[in-house]
Each structure stands twice: as C-alpha cells, then as structure tokens.
C-alpha atoms as a PDB file:
ATOM      1  CA  MET A   1      83.209 -20.654  -7.095  1.00  0.00           C
ATOM      2  CA  THR A   2      82.082 -17.113  -6.434  1.00  0.00           C
ATOM      3  CA  ALA A   3      84.088 -13.948  -7.023  1.00  0.00           C
ATOM      4  CA  VAL A   4      83.908 -11.910  -3.831  1.00  0.00           C
ATOM      5  CA  HIS A   5      84.858  -8.368  -2.948  1.00  0.00           C
ATOM      6  CA  ALA A   6      88.478  -7.407  -2.345  1.00  0.00           C
ATOM      7  CA  LEU A   7      89.776  -3.944  -1.591  1.00  0.00           C
ATOM      8  CA  HIS A   8      93.042  -2.823  -3.139  1.00  0.00           C
ATOM      9  CA  LEU A   9      94.266   0.460  -4.555  1.00  0.00           C
ATOM     10  CA  ARG A  10      93.996   0.540  -8.311  1.00  0.00           C
ATOM     11  CA  TRP A  11      96.747   1.332 -10.751  1.00  0.00           C
ATOM     12  CA  PRO A  12      96.383   4.979 -11.820  1.00  0.00           C
ATOM     13  CA  LEU A  13      96.267   4.086 -15.526  1.00  0.00           C
ATOM     14  CA  ARG A  14      93.489   1.526 -14.912  1.00  0.00           C
ATOM     15  CA  PRO A  15      91.218   3.036 -12.231  1.00  0.00           C
ATOM     16  CA  GLN A  16      88.265   0.949 -13.417  1.00  0.00           C
ATOM     17  CA  ALA A  17      90.067  -2.360 -12.732  1.00  0.00           C
ATOM     18  CA  LEU A  18      88.194  -4.547 -10.278  1.00  0.00           C
ATOM     19  CA  THR A  19      89.799  -6.396  -7.398  1.00  0.00           C
ATOM     20  CA  VAL A  20      88.356  -9.731  -6.376  1.00  0.00           C
ATOM     21  CA  GLY A  21      88.892 -12.692  -4.112  1.00  0.00           C
ATOM     22  CA  PHE A  22      87.225 -16.066  -4.445  1.00  0.00           C
ATOM     23  CA  LEU A  23      85.035 -18.282  -2.320  1.00  0.00           C
ATOM     24  CA  ILE A  24      85.068 -21.929  -3.341  1.00  0.00           C
ATOM     25  CA  GLU A  25      82.228 -23.881  -1.757  1.00  0.00           C
ATOM     26  CA  GLY A  26      81.876 -27.631  -1.752  1.00  0.00           C
ATOM     27  CA  SER A  27      82.611 -30.143   0.960  1.00  0.00           C
ATOM     28  CA  SER A  28      84.548 -27.274   2.586  1.00  0.00           C
ATOM     29  CA  GLY A  29      84.464 -23.531   2.086  1.00  0.00           C
ATOM     30  CA  ILE A  30      87.779 -22.098   0.905  1.00  0.00           C
ATOM     31  CA  TYR A  31      88.335 -18.345   0.809  1.00  0.00           C
ATOM     32  CA  PHE A  32      91.130 -17.015  -1.394  1.00  0.00           C
ATOM     33  CA  ALA A  33      91.398 -13.374  -0.376  1.00  0.00           C
ATOM     34  CA  GLY A  34      93.271 -12.154  -3.424  1.00  0.00           C
ATOM     35  CA  ASP A  35      95.394  -9.018  -3.198  1.00  0.00           C
ATOM     36  CA  THR A  36      93.456  -7.017  -0.648  1.00  0.00           C
ATOM     37  CA  ARG A  37      93.551  -5.096   2.564  1.00  0.00           C
ATOM     38  CA  PHE A  38      91.341  -5.771   5.563  1.00  0.00           C
ATOM     39  CA  PHE A  39      87.777  -4.473   5.326  1.00  0.00           C
ATOM     40  CA  SER A  40      84.936  -5.012   7.764  1.00  0.00           C
ATOM     41  CA  SER A  41      82.557  -6.690   5.310  1.00  0.00           C
ATOM     42  CA  MET A  42      84.885  -9.696   5.183  1.00  0.00           C
ATOM     43  CA  ALA A  43      82.741 -10.795   8.123  1.00  0.00           C
ATOM     44  CA  ASP A  44      79.857 -11.319   5.664  1.00  0.00           C
ATOM     45  CA  LEU A  45      81.611 -14.563   4.663  1.00  0.00           C
ATOM     46  CA  ALA A  46      81.492 -15.992   8.199  1.00  0.00           C
ATOM     47  CA  GLY A  47      79.735 -19.333   8.286  1.00  0.00           C
ATOM     48  CA  ARG A  48      80.817 -20.154   4.734  1.00  0.00           C
ATOM     49  CA  VAL A  49      84.605 -20.306   5.241  1.00  0.00           C
ATOM     50  CA  ASP A  50      86.465 -23.269   6.663  1.00  0.00           C
ATOM     51  CA  VAL A  51      89.880 -22.443   5.202  1.00  0.00           C
ATOM     52  CA  ALA A  52      91.243 -18.972   4.506  1.00  0.00           C
ATOM     53  CA  LEU A  53      94.155 -18.431   2.113  1.00  0.00           C
ATOM     54  CA  LEU A  54      95.444 -15.021   3.137  1.00  0.00           C
ATOM     55  CA  PRO A  55      98.330 -12.976   1.729  1.00  0.00           C
ATOM     56  CA  VAL A  56     100.719 -11.938   4.485  1.00  0.00           C
ATOM     57  CA  GLY A  57     103.872 -10.829   2.682  1.00  0.00           C
ATOM     58  CA  ARG A  58     103.817  -7.168   1.841  1.00  0.00           C
ATOM     59  CA  TRP A  59     107.198  -6.390   0.388  1.00  0.00           C
ATOM     60  CA  GLY A  60     109.333  -3.356  -0.163  1.00  0.00           C
ATOM     61  CA  PRO A  61     110.741  -0.764   2.156  1.00  0.00           C
ATOM     62  CA  HIS A  62     107.428   1.134   2.224  1.00  0.00           C
ATOM     63  CA  PRO A  63     104.575  -1.337   1.893  1.00  0.00           C
ATOM     64  CA  GLY A  64     101.276   0.460   1.598  1.00  0.00           C
ATOM     65  CA  PRO A  65      98.139  -0.054   3.658  1.00  0.00           C
ATOM     66  CA  ASP A  66      96.326  -1.568   0.668  1.00  0.00           C
ATOM     67  CA  ARG A  67      97.567  -5.103   1.319  1.00  0.00           C
ATOM     68  CA  LEU A  68      97.211  -7.531   4.169  1.00  0.00           C
ATOM     69  CA  GLY A  69     100.210  -8.008   6.411  1.00  0.00           C
ATOM     70  CA  PRO A  70     100.618 -10.570   9.205  1.00  0.00           C
ATOM     71  CA  ALA A  71      98.491  -8.705  11.785  1.00  0.00           C
ATOM     72  CA  SER A  72      95.709  -7.611   9.427  1.00  0.00           C
ATOM     73  CA  ALA A  73      95.599 -11.086   7.831  1.00  0.00           C
ATOM     74  CA  ALA A  74      95.062 -12.517  11.324  1.00  0.00           C
ATOM     75  CA  ARG A  75      92.142 -10.106  11.736  1.00  0.00           C
ATOM     76  CA  ALA A  76      90.784 -11.288   8.384  1.00  0.00           C
ATOM     77  CA  ALA A  77      91.004 -14.975   9.403  1.00  0.00           C
ATOM     78  CA  ILE A  78      88.993 -14.168  12.515  1.00  0.00           C
ATOM     79  CA  ALA A  79      86.474 -12.032  10.598  1.00  0.00           C
ATOM     80  CA  VAL A  80      85.679 -14.727   8.018  1.00  0.00           C
ATOM     81  CA  GLY A  81      85.374 -17.371  10.727  1.00  0.00           C
ATOM     82  CA  ALA A  82      88.029 -19.705   9.347  1.00  0.00           C
ATOM     83  CA  SER A  83      88.954 -22.803  11.304  1.00  0.00           C
ATOM     84  CA  VAL A  84      92.186 -23.169   9.281  1.00  0.00           C
ATOM     85  CA  ALA A  85      94.292 -20.281   7.973  1.00  0.00           C
ATOM     86  CA  ILE A  86      97.061 -20.698   5.423  1.00  0.00           C
ATOM     87  CA  PRO A  87      99.378 -17.742   4.815  1.00  0.00           C
ATOM     88  CA  ILE A  88     100.207 -17.105   1.176  1.00  0.00           C
ATOM     89  CA  HIS A  89     102.128 -14.457  -0.790  1.00  0.00           C
ATOM     90  CA  TRP A  90     105.264 -14.632   1.332  1.00  0.00           C
ATOM     91  CA  GLY A  91     108.796 -15.462   0.275  1.00  0.00           C
ATOM     92  CA  THR A  92     107.799 -15.063  -3.342  1.00  0.00           C
ATOM     93  CA  PHE A  93     109.680 -12.030  -4.592  1.00  0.00           C
ATOM     94  CA  TYR A  94     113.076 -10.775  -3.551  1.00  0.00           C
ATOM     95  CA  PRO A  95     114.818  -8.912  -6.376  1.00  0.00           C
ATOM     96  CA  ALA A  96     118.582  -9.104  -6.710  1.00  0.00           C
ATOM     97  CA  GLY A  97     120.239  -6.463  -4.569  1.00  0.00           C
ATOM     98  CA  PHE A  98     117.067  -5.770  -2.603  1.00  0.00           C
ATOM     99  CA  TRP A  99     118.768  -7.041   0.541  1.00  0.00           C
ATOM    100  CA  ARG A 100     120.688  -3.746   0.668  1.00  0.00           C
ATOM    101  CA  ILE A 101     117.438  -1.823   1.192  1.00  0.00           C
ATOM    102  CA  TRP A 102     115.464  -4.361   3.199  1.00  0.00           C
ATOM    103  CA  PRO A 103     117.680  -7.072   4.678  1.00  0.00           C
ATOM    104  CA  ARG A 104     114.990  -9.085   6.466  1.00  0.00           C
ATOM    105  CA  PRO A 105     114.134 -12.226   4.560  1.00  0.00           C
ATOM    106  CA  LEU A 106     110.646 -12.462   3.124  1.00  0.00           C
ATOM    107  CA  ARG A 107     110.008 -15.723   5.002  1.00  0.00           C
ATOM    108  CA  GLU A 108     109.342 -13.820   8.212  1.00  0.00           C
ATOM    109  CA  PRO A 109     105.703 -12.777   7.489  1.00  0.00           C
ATOM    110  CA  ALA A 110     104.332 -16.344   7.664  1.00  0.00           C
ATOM    111  CA  ALA A 111     105.864 -16.879  11.106  1.00  0.00           C
ATOM    112  CA  ARG A 112     104.592 -13.494  12.305  1.00  0.00           C
ATOM    113  CA  PHE A 113     101.102 -14.359  11.029  1.00  0.00           C
ATOM    114  CA  ALA A 114     101.143 -17.683  12.916  1.00  0.00           C
ATOM    115  CA  ALA A 115     102.312 -15.940  16.102  1.00  0.00           C
ATOM    116  CA  GLU A 116      99.666 -13.220  15.748  1.00  0.00           C
ATOM    117  CA  LEU A 117      96.843 -15.738  15.383  1.00  0.00           C
ATOM    118  CA  ALA A 118      98.171 -17.876  18.247  1.00  0.00           C
ATOM    119  CA  ALA A 119      98.076 -14.791  20.473  1.00  0.00           C
ATOM    120  CA  THR A 120      94.691 -13.433  19.383  1.00  0.00           C
ATOM    121  CA  GLU A 121      92.651 -16.462  18.320  1.00  0.00           C
ATOM    122  CA  PRO A 122      94.354 -19.746  19.263  1.00  0.00           C
ATOM    123  CA  GLY A 123      91.330 -21.734  18.057  1.00  0.00           C
ATOM    124  CA  ILE A 124      92.259 -21.094  14.431  1.00  0.00           C
ATOM    125  CA  GLU A 125      94.761 -23.628  13.147  1.00  0.00           C
ATOM    126  CA  VAL A 126      97.566 -22.092  11.087  1.00  0.00           C
ATOM    127  CA  ARG A 127      99.236 -24.208   8.449  1.00  0.00           C
ATOM    128  CA  VAL A 128     102.389 -22.690   6.999  1.00  0.00           C
ATOM    129  CA  LEU A 129     103.210 -24.586   3.814  1.00  0.00           C
ATOM    130  CA  GLU A 130     106.710 -24.580   2.396  1.00  0.00           C
ATOM    131  CA  PRO A 131     107.041 -24.862  -1.393  1.00  0.00           C
ATOM    132  CA  GLY A 132     105.984 -28.348  -2.436  1.00  0.00           C
ATOM    133  CA  GLN A 133     104.212 -29.161   0.820  1.00  0.00           C
ATOM    134  CA  GLU A 134     100.604 -30.307   0.787  1.00  0.00           C
ATOM    135  CA  THR A 135      97.823 -30.304   3.324  1.00  0.00           C
ATOM    136  CA  GLU A 136      94.470 -32.018   3.484  1.00  0.00           C
ATOM    137  CA  ILE A 137      91.289 -30.257   4.442  1.00  0.00           C
ATOM    138  CA  ALA A 138      88.638 -32.336   6.182  1.00  0.00           C
ATOM    139  CA  ALA A 139      85.188 -32.161   4.661  1.00  0.00           C
ATOM    140  CA  ARG A 140      82.615 -30.139   6.529  1.00  0.00           C
ATOM    141  CA  PRO A 141      80.163 -32.376   8.428  1.00  0.00           C
ATOM    142  CA  ARG A 142      76.868 -32.727   6.548  1.00  0.00           C
ATOM    143  CA  ARG A 143      73.893 -31.033   8.086  1.00  0.00           C
ATOM    144  CA  ASP A 144      70.844 -33.142   7.289  1.00  0.00           C
END
C-alpha cells in the first residue's frame, strides 16, 4: 500500500495537515482517492489502477470545489485508467432537518456518477454498492 497525493483544502487551524489517497497493489491495483478534488497528476497512476474508489457525494447547500462530485469523479476514473469504478462517500451524512435546506436525497450522486461515466467512457464498469453489498474484483492477468 502506498500513500498517494490528494488535493483538498486544509482546515485553517491545521494548514500543515496532509491529504492523501492510497494505492493498494497486489493481484489488482485499487485506488482509494481519499477526500480530494480532481487534479491532472492523477493520470500518473494510469497503468497501476484496476479499480478506483472515488468519492462522489459532496454535501451541503454550497459544496466547495475541493471535493470530487459525480462529474469530476468520472474524470478521475478516466484519468487513472480504471476498468472498474466504485462510487463512495454518498448517502452517508444527512443531518436531521437538513432536508429543509437541501431536499434532494444524498443517494443521487452515485446514479449521476454512473450516468456520467456511461456517457463519457462506457468502457469503464461502474459498480454502485448499497450498504452490505459486496463485489469481487478479478485478478489482473500475470505478465510473464
């Protein structure tokens, strides 16, 4: 497992805090983007990533540009060269009463991510996992 670059605004009281994602390499390469926005050097991971776990659920009435959303996460999946993309960080936080400010359910980002990738890069398989669901990742063919 290698900690890889992520790009996220830092909390003002902790400007030295680092942001990281992770690349897990074994029989398959799995990229966990962490809490990040899109940045062009994500493409440096291409060739090492089979599966990308990408956050798609910015929340709040004014989500900032420092996090991936459905469209930018689709760009990230393409940039890292994933063959499978799994949206994460959606439907996870909906405070009581928040529906008055932002009535759309937080489940929408995963569907928007899948639609975005289907429209821009249909060769990438999207697997939207509901809580408790599992998926299997095929091992990368050996190159001898």
